[in-house]
Protein backbone atom coordinates (compact mmCIF):
# COMPACT_ATOMS: atom_id res chain seq x y z
CA PRO A 1 132.00 41.81 -41.01
CA VAL A 2 130.55 38.60 -39.70
CA ASN A 3 130.34 37.80 -35.95
CA THR A 4 129.36 34.45 -34.36
CA VAL A 5 127.47 33.43 -31.37
CA PHE A 6 128.72 29.92 -30.52
CA GLN A 7 126.66 27.04 -29.22
CA ASP A 8 128.68 26.93 -25.94
CA TYR A 9 128.94 30.76 -25.66
CA ALA A 10 132.73 30.64 -25.49
CA LEU A 11 132.91 33.33 -22.80
CA PHE A 12 136.32 34.05 -21.21
CA PRO A 13 136.08 32.88 -17.57
CA HIS A 14 138.92 35.17 -16.37
CA MET A 15 137.06 38.33 -17.57
CA ASP A 16 134.05 40.00 -16.16
CA VAL A 17 131.01 40.80 -18.24
CA ALA A 18 132.21 44.15 -19.50
CA GLU A 19 135.56 42.78 -20.47
CA ASN A 20 134.00 39.86 -22.37
CA VAL A 21 131.59 42.19 -24.26
CA GLY A 22 134.37 44.71 -24.99
CA PHE A 23 137.07 42.21 -26.09
CA GLY A 24 136.55 42.77 -29.75
CA LEU A 25 136.61 46.58 -29.34
CA SER A 26 139.90 46.30 -27.53
CA LEU A 27 141.40 44.66 -30.39
CA ARG A 28 140.39 47.55 -32.65
CA LYS A 29 142.27 50.00 -30.36
CA LEU A 30 139.22 52.16 -29.70
CA SER A 31 139.51 54.71 -26.93
CA GLY A 32 138.40 53.60 -23.42
CA ALA A 33 135.46 56.04 -23.46
CA GLU A 34 134.20 54.75 -26.80
CA GLN A 35 134.59 51.15 -25.61
CA ALA A 36 132.71 51.83 -22.39
CA ARG A 37 129.87 53.61 -24.31
CA ARG A 38 129.39 50.80 -26.83
CA VAL A 39 129.66 48.03 -24.17
CA GLY A 40 127.03 49.83 -22.06
CA GLU A 41 124.75 50.07 -25.10
CA ALA A 42 125.04 46.43 -26.00
CA LEU A 43 124.42 45.26 -22.51
CA ASP A 44 121.44 47.52 -22.22
CA MET A 45 120.03 46.09 -25.47
CA VAL A 46 120.14 42.52 -24.04
CA GLY A 47 118.90 43.62 -20.57
CA LEU A 48 122.07 43.16 -18.63
CA ALA A 49 123.20 46.69 -17.95
CA GLU A 50 123.35 45.91 -14.19
CA LYS A 51 125.64 42.93 -14.67
CA LEU A 52 128.63 45.00 -16.02
CA GLY A 53 131.09 43.89 -13.45
CA ALA A 54 129.80 40.38 -12.77
CA ARG A 55 131.95 37.31 -13.31
CA VAL A 56 130.91 34.62 -15.75
CA PHE A 57 130.38 32.01 -13.01
CA GLU A 58 127.89 34.26 -11.30
CA LEU A 59 125.54 34.24 -14.26
CA SER A 60 122.73 31.89 -15.19
CA GLY A 61 122.56 30.13 -18.52
CA GLY A 62 120.30 32.71 -20.03
CA GLN A 63 122.33 35.53 -18.80
CA ARG A 64 125.53 33.99 -20.41
CA GLN A 65 123.67 33.68 -23.54
CA ARG A 66 122.87 37.41 -23.49
CA VAL A 67 126.49 38.32 -22.74
CA ALA A 68 127.51 36.29 -25.78
CA LEU A 69 124.91 38.16 -27.83
CA ALA A 70 126.07 41.56 -26.51
CA ARG A 71 129.74 40.64 -27.35
CA ALA A 72 128.62 39.72 -30.94
CA ILE A 73 126.71 42.81 -31.59
CA VAL A 74 128.99 45.40 -29.99
CA CYS A 75 131.18 45.45 -33.10
CA GLU A 76 128.21 46.22 -35.20
CA PRO A 77 128.48 43.33 -37.72
CA ARG A 78 126.46 43.28 -40.94
CA VAL A 79 125.78 39.55 -40.48
CA LEU A 80 125.46 37.64 -37.22
CA LEU A 81 125.80 33.85 -37.29
CA LEU A 82 124.17 32.09 -34.44
CA ASP A 83 125.19 28.42 -34.15
CA GLU A 84 122.39 26.64 -32.25
CA PRO A 85 122.59 29.36 -29.53
CA LEU A 86 119.58 28.25 -27.56
CA SER A 87 120.20 24.52 -27.38
CA ALA A 88 121.62 24.47 -23.88
CA LEU A 89 118.74 26.35 -22.31
CA ASP A 90 115.60 24.92 -20.76
CA ALA A 91 112.32 24.96 -22.76
CA HIS A 92 110.82 28.11 -20.97
CA LEU A 93 114.05 30.21 -21.18
CA ARG A 94 114.50 29.01 -24.77
CA GLU A 95 111.02 30.46 -25.65
CA GLN A 96 111.89 33.69 -23.89
CA MET A 97 115.20 34.06 -25.81
CA GLN A 98 113.39 33.39 -29.17
CA VAL A 99 111.26 36.47 -28.51
CA GLU A 100 114.36 38.35 -27.43
CA LEU A 101 116.39 37.43 -30.56
CA LYS A 102 113.54 38.54 -32.85
CA ARG A 103 113.17 41.87 -30.94
CA LEU A 104 116.95 42.46 -31.05
CA GLN A 105 117.16 41.69 -34.77
CA SER A 106 114.37 44.12 -35.52
CA ARG A 107 116.01 46.86 -33.44
CA LEU A 108 119.48 46.38 -34.96
CA GLY A 109 118.52 45.66 -38.60
CA THR A 110 121.45 43.24 -38.71
CA THR A 111 120.97 40.00 -40.75
CA PHE A 112 120.87 36.99 -38.34
CA VAL A 113 121.69 33.60 -39.79
CA LEU A 114 120.47 31.06 -37.25
CA VAL A 115 121.62 27.44 -37.50
CA THR A 116 119.20 25.10 -35.62
CA HIS A 117 117.81 21.61 -35.58
CA ASP A 118 114.69 22.85 -33.61
CA GLN A 119 111.89 23.27 -36.08
CA THR A 120 109.68 25.17 -33.69
CA GLU A 121 112.59 27.62 -33.01
CA ALA A 122 113.08 28.15 -36.75
CA LEU A 123 109.43 28.79 -37.37
CA SER A 124 109.05 31.26 -34.40
CA ILE A 125 112.15 33.34 -35.10
CA SER A 126 112.68 33.40 -38.89
CA ASP A 127 111.50 35.56 -41.75
CA ARG A 128 112.96 33.05 -44.21
CA ILE A 129 114.06 29.45 -43.58
CA VAL A 130 116.44 27.22 -45.57
CA VAL A 131 115.67 23.64 -45.11
CA MET A 132 118.68 21.38 -45.88
CA ASN A 133 118.85 17.53 -46.26
CA LYS A 134 122.21 15.95 -46.39
CA GLY A 135 123.88 19.21 -47.48
CA ARG A 136 121.38 19.98 -50.15
CA ILE A 137 118.72 22.71 -50.05
CA GLU A 138 115.23 21.37 -50.16
CA GLN A 139 113.34 24.62 -49.97
CA ILE A 140 113.72 28.34 -49.10
CA ALA A 141 110.57 30.12 -47.97
CA PRO A 142 108.87 32.05 -45.20
CA PRO A 143 107.77 29.92 -42.21
CA ALA A 144 104.05 29.90 -43.20
CA THR A 145 104.84 28.82 -46.72
CA LEU A 146 107.01 25.90 -45.44
CA TYR A 147 104.29 24.79 -43.13
CA ASP A 148 101.41 25.15 -45.40
CA ARG A 149 102.94 24.44 -48.82
CA PRO A 150 106.02 22.22 -48.37
CA ALA A 151 107.79 21.52 -51.65
CA THR A 152 108.94 17.92 -50.89
CA LYS A 153 108.17 15.04 -48.70
CA PHE A 154 111.20 15.74 -46.55
CA VAL A 155 110.14 19.32 -45.88
CA ALA A 156 106.61 18.17 -45.08
CA SER A 157 107.78 15.62 -42.57
CA PHE A 158 110.56 17.72 -41.10
CA ILE A 159 108.64 20.91 -40.41
CA GLY A 160 106.02 19.93 -37.81
CA THR A 161 104.04 16.74 -37.97
CA MET A 162 102.52 15.71 -41.33
CA ASN A 163 100.46 12.64 -42.30
CA LEU A 164 101.75 11.47 -45.68
CA LEU A 165 98.76 9.53 -47.15
CA GLN A 166 98.95 7.63 -50.39
CA SER A 167 95.77 8.69 -52.06
CA ARG A 168 93.90 7.95 -55.28
CA PHE A 169 92.75 10.89 -57.45
CA VAL A 170 88.97 10.80 -58.04
CA GLY A 171 88.27 14.11 -59.68
CA ARG A 172 88.46 17.97 -59.25
CA ASP A 173 86.23 20.66 -58.11
CA GLY A 174 87.53 24.03 -59.45
CA ASP A 175 91.05 24.46 -58.14
CA ARG A 176 90.50 21.68 -55.49
CA LEU A 177 91.68 18.18 -56.32
CA ARG A 178 89.60 15.31 -54.80
CA PHE A 179 91.41 12.22 -53.54
CA ALA A 180 90.65 9.19 -51.39
CA ALA A 181 93.12 7.68 -48.87
CA GLY A 182 91.31 4.38 -48.36
CA ALA A 183 87.84 5.46 -47.10
CA LEU A 184 88.91 8.95 -46.27
CA PRO A 185 87.89 11.69 -48.74
CA LEU A 186 90.56 14.40 -49.10
CA GLU A 187 90.88 17.63 -50.99
CA ALA A 188 94.21 18.86 -52.04
CA THR A 189 96.00 21.72 -53.92
CA SER A 190 98.71 21.47 -56.54
CA GLU A 191 101.45 24.19 -56.94
CA THR A 192 101.34 23.73 -60.69
CA GLY A 193 97.49 23.66 -60.89
CA GLU A 194 97.70 20.43 -62.81
CA ALA A 195 95.67 17.35 -61.97
CA PRO A 196 96.83 13.71 -62.18
CA GLY A 197 95.16 11.19 -64.36
CA GLU A 198 91.96 9.56 -63.11
CA GLY A 199 92.89 6.75 -60.50
CA ALA A 200 96.55 8.03 -60.17
CA VAL A 201 98.08 7.64 -56.80
CA ARG A 202 99.79 10.59 -55.13
CA THR A 203 101.07 11.49 -51.69
CA ILE A 204 98.80 14.03 -49.92
CA GLY A 205 100.09 15.84 -46.85
CA VAL A 206 97.60 16.31 -44.00
CA ARG A 207 98.37 18.09 -40.73
CA PRO A 208 97.05 16.52 -37.53
CA GLU A 209 95.07 19.68 -36.74
CA ASP A 210 93.23 19.38 -40.07
CA LEU A 211 91.70 16.03 -39.07
CA LEU A 212 88.53 15.94 -37.04
CA ALA A 213 87.57 12.96 -34.92
CA THR A 214 84.14 11.92 -33.71
CA THR A 215 82.52 8.93 -32.16
CA GLU A 216 79.82 8.71 -34.79
CA ALA A 217 80.16 7.74 -38.56
CA ALA A 218 78.81 10.19 -40.92
CA THR A 219 79.09 11.05 -44.68
CA GLY A 220 82.73 11.99 -45.48
CA THR A 221 84.14 10.17 -42.47
CA ALA A 222 86.49 7.09 -42.31
CA PRO A 223 86.94 4.69 -39.43
CA VAL A 224 90.24 4.46 -37.63
CA ARG A 225 91.36 2.49 -34.52
CA VAL A 226 93.02 4.44 -31.77
CA SER A 227 96.42 2.91 -30.85
CA SER A 228 97.64 5.60 -28.32
CA ILE A 229 96.64 9.02 -26.89
CA VAL A 230 99.20 11.59 -25.93
CA PHE A 231 98.43 14.49 -23.63
CA HIS A 232 99.72 17.84 -24.94
CA GLY A 233 98.07 20.23 -22.53
CA ARG A 234 95.44 22.08 -24.42
CA THR A 235 95.31 19.35 -27.06
CA LEU A 236 95.16 15.51 -27.17
CA ARG A 237 97.12 13.67 -29.99
CA LEU A 238 95.60 10.50 -31.18
CA HIS A 239 97.72 7.93 -32.96
CA ALA A 240 95.46 5.64 -34.96
CA GLU A 241 95.40 3.23 -37.94
CA LEU A 242 93.45 4.01 -41.13
CA GLY A 243 92.37 0.99 -43.10
CA GLN A 244 95.24 -1.43 -43.80
CA GLY A 245 97.40 -0.45 -40.94
CA ILE A 246 98.09 3.10 -42.41
CA PRO A 247 99.27 5.24 -39.44
CA VAL A 248 97.52 8.62 -38.95
CA VAL A 249 97.89 11.33 -36.27
CA ILE A 250 94.98 13.59 -35.17
CA ASP A 251 95.03 16.55 -32.95
CA ALA A 252 91.99 17.68 -31.15
CA PRO A 253 91.18 20.28 -28.42
CA ARG A 254 91.26 18.55 -25.02
CA ARG A 255 87.69 19.51 -24.12
CA ALA A 256 86.18 19.05 -27.62
CA GLU A 257 82.53 18.00 -27.41
CA GLY A 258 82.23 14.36 -28.36
CA PHE A 259 85.95 13.75 -28.16
CA GLN A 260 85.82 10.82 -25.63
CA PHE A 261 88.21 8.09 -26.85
CA SER A 262 90.30 5.37 -25.27
CA VAL A 263 93.04 3.25 -26.75
CA GLY A 264 91.37 0.52 -28.86
CA ASP A 265 88.33 2.58 -29.61
CA VAL A 266 87.14 3.16 -33.23
CA ALA A 267 87.03 6.83 -34.13
CA HIS A 268 85.61 8.41 -37.31
CA ILE A 269 87.85 11.00 -38.87
CA SER A 270 87.17 13.67 -41.64
CA LEU A 271 89.07 16.42 -43.18
CA ARG A 272 88.46 19.92 -41.74
CA ARG A 273 86.58 22.24 -44.13
CA GLY A 274 89.09 24.57 -45.88
CA ALA A 275 92.12 22.55 -44.89
CA ASN A 276 95.21 23.27 -47.08
CA CYS A 277 96.50 19.81 -48.00
CA PRO A 278 99.50 19.85 -50.44
CA MET A 279 99.96 17.22 -53.13
CA LEU A 280 103.60 16.26 -52.86
CA PRO A 281 105.89 15.17 -55.59
CA GLY A 282 107.51 11.68 -55.75
């Protein structure tokens, strides 16, 4: 059987927590003792054993989410469909529930199918991710593979932030392909291992964290003009222009030595050694 956790939880307001969780069991005509046992186990799994007799309106958003989960797992489905179950929660609670969902899935062994538009949520929870674009599958892969080796431009730009740089092929060094995006030297990998022809232009994906920014020019760096700086707590995100108005995004530790930039400054960027930059099709 397949059970569902809905985006709006769909709890019955006239029932208490135990009645909500046990609703599916009551339809199966199980004995009262068996229903009580399984309801208690389900609530214990989601950390709400003490809320057995509480009414829905007495619960917080996170607690309602846990009740909906308990109701879905109490009938022991083989597959659990979760339809954007965390979208109504605040950021901190959403992060807590991501950890809770992964723990619960591991304990139950049930297949969880999570539908979400939140890329961070998908990356943090999933063992495998299906990326869809207009109803078509773009790629199926584990989170790390999607992030490091996206198969298409859509996946590259949809999962996290990716600089898509039109780059000219200049040669190869073993399995590393050397490109130039304007004045910026890049190294990329190809899934097929094949290299394009000399001078061919390809799209190279570069993550913001794989670009280093300094105030001084050096071999292997390219100048960019900083257009905005966004504070992200531990990191700063620079939005800049490379060469002929090509937008580029760079992430750097907030307290990185030599990282002292203001809007309008010229920075010099280079590719982090060992960065994995995919050559993307199309």
